[in-house]
């Protein structure tokens, strides 16, 4: 199910001040009378390049024995983003805010693991369908919310659209390459690899003790590569900029469409289903996003797993931190892509 983000919704979140123009006064918005496909086509015809869309679900993380809350991200992010300034650095009309993809029926809180995994598999089809419409319209999806299970649908849609498998980079302490035991947030990339949608996979910030030996072996057999969290941020064996240059070179050598992925639980103190104090700074995450967006042929960007309700100080603080964090990440991506495309 697609819930359009309309002008009425925008006005409810927008704070207007004299002598200022906010992004919310410039971005393109959806029409509730149109389908997602029609809204994407309409926005592209009006000159948009990027389509911001949320996936309102936490079934995937719960199916991976994680916490819920990833379904409540859209308003937190969009309220912050809309109230940023429209100026010489970003006008706003480069983007359309489409709205949210929602499951027709979400799994009950008491659902079994098998039921949650079946629901996650059904969600895959919704994500593939929505992403395909956005790509066919000529827009780049900026996807927020939901679990990292949705990487599978995004990769599948990208492959179907381009006719080529995808090269992906993922900033994440977890590889999400767990066994294919039923769909959940921990195996989106292993399912995509098995389907032929994922050809090249690099993990930045992989935590050396948060991935099982079986998972590491699966990664090695597939040919995946990584820079660990400890290697860059703890032992300081390699500067981040050097790692990013290596990653971009590897992605570009494949000559494949690039998927830019980020699990926000890589970021220190960011509320998520697997939040961590031992994470990377938000500014390093923004730099990663901007660098890859600028130097590689990205098909989409995906910011997964944010969960405002998981903030240690409560949901209000979670809305603030998730909203600000995702807004900065979105701007970093758009700025990088515009630098490459213009």
Protein backbone atom coordinates (compact mmCIF):
# COMPACT_ATOMS: atom_id res chain seq x y z
CA UNK A 1 0.00 0.00 0.00
CA UNK A 2 1.25 3.49 -0.91
CA UNK A 3 0.37 6.51 1.28
CA UNK A 4 1.09 9.72 -0.61
CA UNK A 5 2.70 12.71 1.12
CA UNK A 6 0.57 15.63 0.03
CA UNK A 7 0.57 19.41 0.29
CA UNK A 8 -1.74 19.17 3.30
CA UNK A 9 0.68 16.85 5.11
CA UNK A 10 3.54 19.20 4.28
CA UNK A 11 1.78 22.26 5.72
CA UNK A 12 1.14 20.40 8.97
CA UNK A 13 4.90 19.90 9.47
CA UNK A 14 6.21 23.17 8.02
CA UNK A 15 7.13 26.21 10.08
CA UNK A 16 7.20 29.33 7.89
CA UNK A 17 9.17 32.43 8.86
CA UNK A 18 9.25 35.86 7.22
CA UNK A 19 12.10 36.48 4.78
CA UNK A 20 12.97 32.78 4.66
CA UNK A 21 12.20 30.03 2.16
CA UNK A 22 12.17 26.49 3.50
CA UNK A 23 12.79 23.30 1.52
CA UNK A 24 9.19 22.37 2.27
CA UNK A 25 8.05 25.33 0.19
CA UNK A 26 10.08 24.16 -2.81
CA UNK A 27 10.04 20.36 -2.89
CA UNK A 28 7.62 18.54 -5.14
CA UNK A 29 4.87 16.62 -3.37
CA UNK A 30 2.63 13.71 -4.19
CA UNK A 31 -0.99 13.76 -5.28
CA UNK A 32 -3.20 11.39 -3.30
CA UNK A 33 -5.37 10.85 -6.40
CA UNK A 34 -2.44 9.35 -8.31
CA UNK A 35 -0.66 6.03 -7.96
CA UNK A 36 2.98 5.87 -6.91
CA UNK A 37 3.92 5.21 -10.54
CA UNK A 38 1.96 8.24 -11.75
CA UNK A 39 3.41 10.46 -9.01
CA UNK A 40 6.95 9.43 -9.92
CA UNK A 41 6.34 10.11 -13.61
CA UNK A 42 4.75 13.47 -12.84
CA UNK A 43 7.67 14.53 -10.64
CA UNK A 44 10.21 13.50 -13.27
CA UNK A 45 8.33 15.52 -15.89
CA UNK A 46 8.59 18.54 -13.58
CA UNK A 47 12.37 18.18 -13.33
CA UNK A 48 12.86 16.17 -10.14
CA UNK A 49 15.93 13.95 -9.89
CA UNK A 50 15.44 12.31 -6.50
CA UNK A 51 12.44 10.58 -4.95
CA UNK A 52 12.31 10.35 -1.15
CA UNK A 53 10.22 7.45 0.05
CA UNK A 54 9.88 5.64 3.37
CA UNK A 55 9.18 2.00 4.12
CA UNK A 56 6.98 1.91 7.20
CA UNK A 57 7.71 -1.51 8.70
CA UNK A 58 9.60 -3.17 11.52
CA UNK A 59 8.68 -6.75 10.66
CA UNK A 60 12.12 -7.48 9.23
CA UNK A 61 14.07 -6.49 12.35
CA UNK A 62 11.62 -8.37 14.59
CA UNK A 63 11.97 -11.42 12.34
CA UNK A 64 15.71 -11.16 13.06
CA UNK A 65 15.05 -11.21 16.84
CA UNK A 66 15.59 -7.44 17.02
CA UNK A 67 13.52 -4.61 18.43
CA UNK A 68 10.67 -2.86 16.66
CA UNK A 69 10.33 0.84 15.92
CA UNK A 70 11.76 1.11 12.40
CA UNK A 71 8.25 1.74 11.09
CA UNK A 72 8.07 5.21 12.67
CA UNK A 73 10.69 7.18 10.80
CA UNK A 74 9.02 9.15 8.04
CA UNK A 75 7.54 12.08 9.97
CA UNK A 76 10.63 12.38 12.19
CA UNK A 77 12.86 12.79 9.16
CA UNK A 78 10.58 14.77 6.90
CA UNK A 79 9.69 17.38 9.52
CA UNK A 80 13.38 18.20 9.98
CA UNK A 81 14.12 18.12 6.26
CA UNK A 82 11.19 20.32 5.24
CA UNK A 83 12.21 23.04 7.68
CA UNK A 84 15.77 23.37 6.42
CA UNK A 85 16.51 26.45 4.33
CA UNK A 86 16.11 26.56 0.56
CA UNK A 87 19.07 28.57 -0.73
CA UNK A 88 22.00 28.57 -3.15
CA UNK A 89 23.24 25.23 -1.82
CA UNK A 90 19.97 23.34 -2.38
CA UNK A 91 16.74 24.71 -3.83
CA UNK A 92 14.52 21.76 -3.02
CA UNK A 93 12.78 21.31 -6.36
CA UNK A 94 15.34 18.64 -7.24
CA UNK A 95 13.33 16.31 -4.99
CA UNK A 96 9.90 14.84 -4.74
CA UNK A 97 8.70 13.47 -1.41
CA UNK A 98 6.47 10.60 -2.45
CA UNK A 99 5.33 9.19 0.90
CA UNK A 100 5.36 5.76 2.50
CA UNK A 101 5.14 2.12 1.48
CA UNK A 102 3.15 0.19 4.08
CA UNK A 103 2.24 -3.44 4.38
CA UNK A 104 -1.48 -4.04 3.94
CA UNK A 105 -1.39 -5.92 7.22
CA UNK A 106 1.49 -5.88 9.65
CA UNK A 107 2.43 -8.88 11.76
CA UNK A 108 1.01 -8.75 15.26
CA UNK A 109 3.36 -8.08 18.20
CA UNK A 110 2.73 -11.67 19.32
CA UNK A 111 3.49 -13.17 15.89
CA UNK A 112 5.87 -16.10 15.75
CA UNK A 113 9.26 -15.88 14.07
CA UNK A 114 7.95 -17.94 11.16
CA UNK A 115 4.98 -15.58 10.72
CA UNK A 116 7.27 -12.55 10.84
CA UNK A 117 9.55 -14.04 8.20
CA UNK A 118 6.63 -14.86 5.94
CA UNK A 119 5.39 -11.27 6.29
CA UNK A 120 8.88 -9.97 5.45
CA UNK A 121 8.92 -12.05 2.26
CA UNK A 122 5.55 -10.55 1.24
CA UNK A 123 6.92 -7.08 1.88
CA UNK A 124 9.75 -7.78 -0.58
CA UNK A 125 7.25 -7.74 -3.45
CA UNK A 126 5.90 -4.32 -2.42
CA UNK A 127 9.41 -2.86 -2.24
CA UNK A 128 10.39 -4.32 -5.62
CA UNK A 129 7.23 -2.96 -7.25
CA UNK A 130 7.57 0.56 -5.78
CA UNK A 131 11.29 0.84 -6.50
CA UNK A 132 10.79 -0.34 -10.07
CA UNK A 133 8.24 2.44 -10.72
CA UNK A 134 10.61 5.08 -9.33
CA UNK A 135 13.58 3.86 -11.37
CA UNK A 136 11.50 3.58 -14.55
CA UNK A 137 10.46 7.21 -14.12
CA UNK A 138 14.14 8.18 -14.21
CA UNK A 139 14.37 9.14 -10.53
CA UNK A 140 16.93 8.05 -7.95
CA UNK A 141 15.25 6.56 -4.87
CA UNK A 142 16.28 7.89 -1.45
CA UNK A 143 14.83 5.24 0.84
CA UNK A 144 14.41 5.70 4.59
CA UNK A 145 12.85 3.66 7.35
CA UNK A 146 12.19 -0.02 7.77
CA UNK A 147 14.69 -2.78 8.37
CA UNK A 148 17.73 -3.66 6.34
CA UNK A 149 15.73 -6.57 4.94
CA UNK A 150 14.55 -4.06 2.32
CA UNK A 151 17.99 -4.02 0.69
CA UNK A 152 16.90 -7.24 -1.01
CA UNK A 153 13.93 -5.64 -2.75
CA UNK A 154 15.96 -2.59 -3.74
CA UNK A 155 18.72 -4.73 -5.23
CA UNK A 156 16.24 -6.93 -7.08
CA UNK A 157 14.46 -3.92 -8.58
CA UNK A 158 17.76 -2.32 -9.61
CA UNK A 159 18.87 -5.48 -11.37
CA UNK A 160 15.54 -5.82 -13.16
CA UNK A 161 15.64 -2.17 -14.26
CA UNK A 162 19.26 -2.11 -15.46
CA UNK A 163 19.53 -5.67 -16.71
CA UNK A 164 22.75 -5.99 -14.73
CA UNK A 165 23.62 -7.30 -11.27
CA UNK A 166 24.50 -4.67 -8.69
CA UNK A 167 27.68 -3.64 -6.88
CA UNK A 168 26.82 -2.67 -3.30
CA UNK A 169 28.65 -0.96 -0.47
CA UNK A 170 27.19 -1.04 3.02
CA UNK A 171 28.26 0.96 6.08
CA UNK A 172 27.20 -1.49 8.78
CA UNK A 173 28.70 -3.31 11.76
CA UNK A 174 26.75 -6.36 10.56
CA UNK A 175 27.18 -7.83 7.09
CA UNK A 176 23.51 -8.89 6.86
CA UNK A 177 24.78 -11.98 5.07
CA UNK A 178 23.26 -14.49 7.48
CA UNK A 179 21.99 -17.88 6.29
CA UNK A 180 18.87 -17.96 4.09
CA UNK A 181 16.62 -19.31 6.85
CA UNK A 182 13.58 -17.20 5.98
CA UNK A 183 13.53 -13.50 5.24
CA UNK A 184 14.59 -11.01 7.90
CA UNK A 185 16.80 -7.94 8.31
CA UNK A 186 19.95 -10.01 8.72
CA UNK A 187 20.00 -11.72 5.33
CA UNK A 188 18.92 -9.26 2.66
CA UNK A 189 22.31 -9.36 0.98
CA UNK A 190 22.74 -13.14 1.14
CA UNK A 191 19.34 -13.59 -0.51
CA UNK A 192 20.24 -11.00 -3.15
CA UNK A 193 23.56 -12.76 -3.80
CA UNK A 194 21.80 -16.12 -4.21
CA UNK A 195 19.31 -14.58 -6.64
CA UNK A 196 22.04 -13.08 -8.82
CA UNK A 197 21.07 -9.49 -8.03
CA UNK A 198 24.24 -8.83 -6.01
CA UNK A 199 27.57 -9.34 -7.78
CA UNK A 200 30.02 -7.23 -5.74
CA UNK A 201 29.69 -6.52 -2.02
CA UNK A 202 31.85 -4.45 0.32
CA UNK A 203 31.12 -3.74 3.98
CA UNK A 204 32.61 -0.65 5.61
CA UNK A 205 32.77 -0.64 9.40
CA UNK A 206 32.12 -4.36 9.84
CA UNK A 207 32.48 -5.14 13.56
CA UNK A 208 34.93 -7.97 14.04
CA UNK A 209 32.91 -9.56 16.88
CA UNK A 210 29.37 -8.97 15.63
CA UNK A 211 29.52 -11.43 12.72
CA UNK A 212 29.67 -15.18 13.22
CA UNK A 213 32.47 -17.25 11.75
CA UNK A 214 29.88 -18.99 9.57
CA UNK A 215 28.78 -15.63 8.20
CA UNK A 216 32.36 -14.51 7.60
CA UNK A 217 33.00 -17.77 5.75
CA UNK A 218 29.92 -17.19 3.59
CA UNK A 219 31.16 -13.70 2.77
CA UNK A 220 34.58 -15.03 1.79
CA UNK A 221 33.09 -17.74 -0.41
CA UNK A 222 30.98 -15.14 -2.18
CA UNK A 223 34.01 -12.90 -2.69
CA UNK A 224 32.81 -10.04 -0.50
CA UNK A 225 35.36 -7.67 1.02
CA UNK A 226 35.35 -5.39 4.04
CA UNK A 227 37.12 -2.78 6.12
CA UNK A 228 36.42 -3.47 9.77
CA UNK A 229 35.31 -0.96 12.37
CA UNK A 230 38.35 -1.80 14.47
CA UNK A 231 40.73 -1.45 11.53
CA UNK A 232 39.70 2.15 10.78
CA UNK A 233 38.23 3.65 13.95
CA UNK A 234 40.02 1.71 16.72
CA UNK A 235 43.44 0.54 15.54
CA UNK A 236 43.71 3.37 13.00
CA UNK A 237 45.52 1.12 10.54
CA UNK A 238 43.94 2.90 7.58
CA UNK A 239 42.53 6.44 7.30
CA UNK A 240 38.85 6.61 6.33
CA UNK A 241 39.62 8.63 3.20
CA UNK A 242 42.01 5.95 1.96
CA UNK A 243 39.40 3.27 2.57
CA UNK A 244 36.79 5.26 0.64
CA UNK A 245 39.16 5.66 -2.31
CA UNK A 246 39.73 1.90 -2.35
CA UNK A 247 36.00 1.20 -2.10
CA UNK A 248 35.09 3.62 -4.92
CA UNK A 249 37.80 2.17 -7.15
CA UNK A 250 36.50 -1.34 -6.58
CA UNK A 251 32.90 -0.34 -7.26
CA UNK A 252 33.79 1.54 -10.43
CA UNK A 253 35.92 -1.29 -11.79
CA UNK A 254 32.85 -3.53 -11.85
CA UNK A 255 31.12 -1.19 -14.32
CA UNK A 256 27.85 -2.13 -12.62
CA UNK A 257 25.11 0.02 -11.10
CA UNK A 258 25.98 0.88 -7.50
CA UNK A 259 23.81 0.47 -4.41
CA UNK A 260 24.71 2.81 -1.55
CA UNK A 261 23.58 1.29 1.75
CA UNK A 262 23.82 2.50 5.33
CA UNK A 263 22.49 0.92 8.51
CA UNK A 264 22.11 3.70 11.04
CA UNK A 265 23.12 1.35 13.86
CA UNK A 266 26.65 1.95 12.60
CA UNK A 267 26.35 5.50 13.99
CA UNK A 268 27.11 6.11 17.67
CA UNK A 269 23.99 6.74 19.78
CA UNK A 270 21.62 6.71 16.81
CA UNK A 271 18.34 5.12 17.92
CA UNK A 272 17.84 1.85 16.07
CA UNK A 273 16.88 -1.75 16.64
CA UNK A 274 20.55 -2.49 17.38
CA UNK A 275 21.75 0.87 18.71
CA UNK A 276 25.36 1.15 19.85
CA UNK A 277 27.51 3.51 21.88
CA UNK A 278 30.60 2.07 20.16
CA UNK A 279 29.81 3.42 16.71
CA UNK A 280 31.16 5.90 14.22
CA UNK A 281 30.47 9.66 14.26
CA UNK A 282 27.52 10.91 12.23
CA UNK A 283 29.89 13.19 10.33
CA UNK A 284 31.94 10.20 9.15
CA UNK A 285 28.74 8.55 7.95
CA UNK A 286 27.81 11.72 6.04
CA UNK A 287 31.28 11.83 4.50
CA UNK A 288 30.97 8.19 3.38
CA UNK A 289 27.60 8.89 1.76
CA UNK A 290 28.81 12.05 0.02
CA UNK A 291 32.04 10.47 -1.23
CA UNK A 292 30.43 7.38 -2.77
CA UNK A 293 27.55 9.44 -4.19
CA UNK A 294 30.02 11.78 -5.88
CA UNK A 295 32.49 9.21 -7.16
CA UNK A 296 30.28 6.26 -8.16
CA UNK A 297 27.25 5.67 -10.44
CA UNK A 298 24.72 5.22 -7.66
CA UNK A 299 21.27 3.90 -8.51
CA UNK A 300 19.82 4.58 -5.06
CA UNK A 301 20.65 5.22 -1.42
CA UNK A 302 19.11 3.34 1.49
CA UNK A 303 19.17 4.48 5.13
CA UNK A 304 17.83 1.57 7.17
CA UNK A 305 16.92 0.63 10.74
CA UNK A 306 16.36 4.03 12.39
CA UNK A 307 13.88 3.63 15.26
CA UNK A 308 12.96 6.79 17.22
CA UNK A 309 11.23 4.83 19.99
CA UNK A 310 14.52 3.06 20.79
CA UNK A 311 16.19 6.26 22.01
CA UNK A 312 17.37 5.89 25.61
CA UNK A 313 15.77 9.25 26.50
CA UNK A 314 12.39 8.47 24.92
CA UNK A 315 10.54 8.88 21.65
CA UNK A 316 10.64 12.70 21.56
CA UNK A 317 14.44 12.65 21.73
CA UNK A 318 14.41 9.83 19.19
CA UNK A 319 12.39 11.91 16.74
CA UNK A 320 14.86 14.77 17.13
CA UNK A 321 18.02 12.69 16.66
CA UNK A 322 16.66 10.50 13.86
CA UNK A 323 15.22 13.52 12.07
CA UNK A 324 18.41 15.52 12.21
CA UNK A 325 20.65 12.55 11.41
CA UNK A 326 18.68 11.36 8.39
CA UNK A 327 18.28 14.90 7.07
CA UNK A 328 22.05 15.37 7.11
CA UNK A 329 22.57 12.01 5.39
CA UNK A 330 19.99 12.83 2.70
CA UNK A 331 21.62 16.20 2.02
CA UNK A 332 25.06 14.57 1.85
CA UNK A 333 23.75 12.16 -0.80
CA UNK A 334 21.99 14.79 -2.89
CA UNK A 335 24.97 17.13 -2.77
CA UNK A 336 27.30 14.33 -3.85
CA UNK A 337 25.05 13.23 -6.69
CA UNK A 338 24.53 16.77 -7.99
CA UNK A 339 28.29 17.30 -7.98
CA UNK A 340 28.67 14.18 -10.12
CA UNK A 341 25.72 14.71 -12.45
CA UNK A 342 26.02 18.44 -13.16
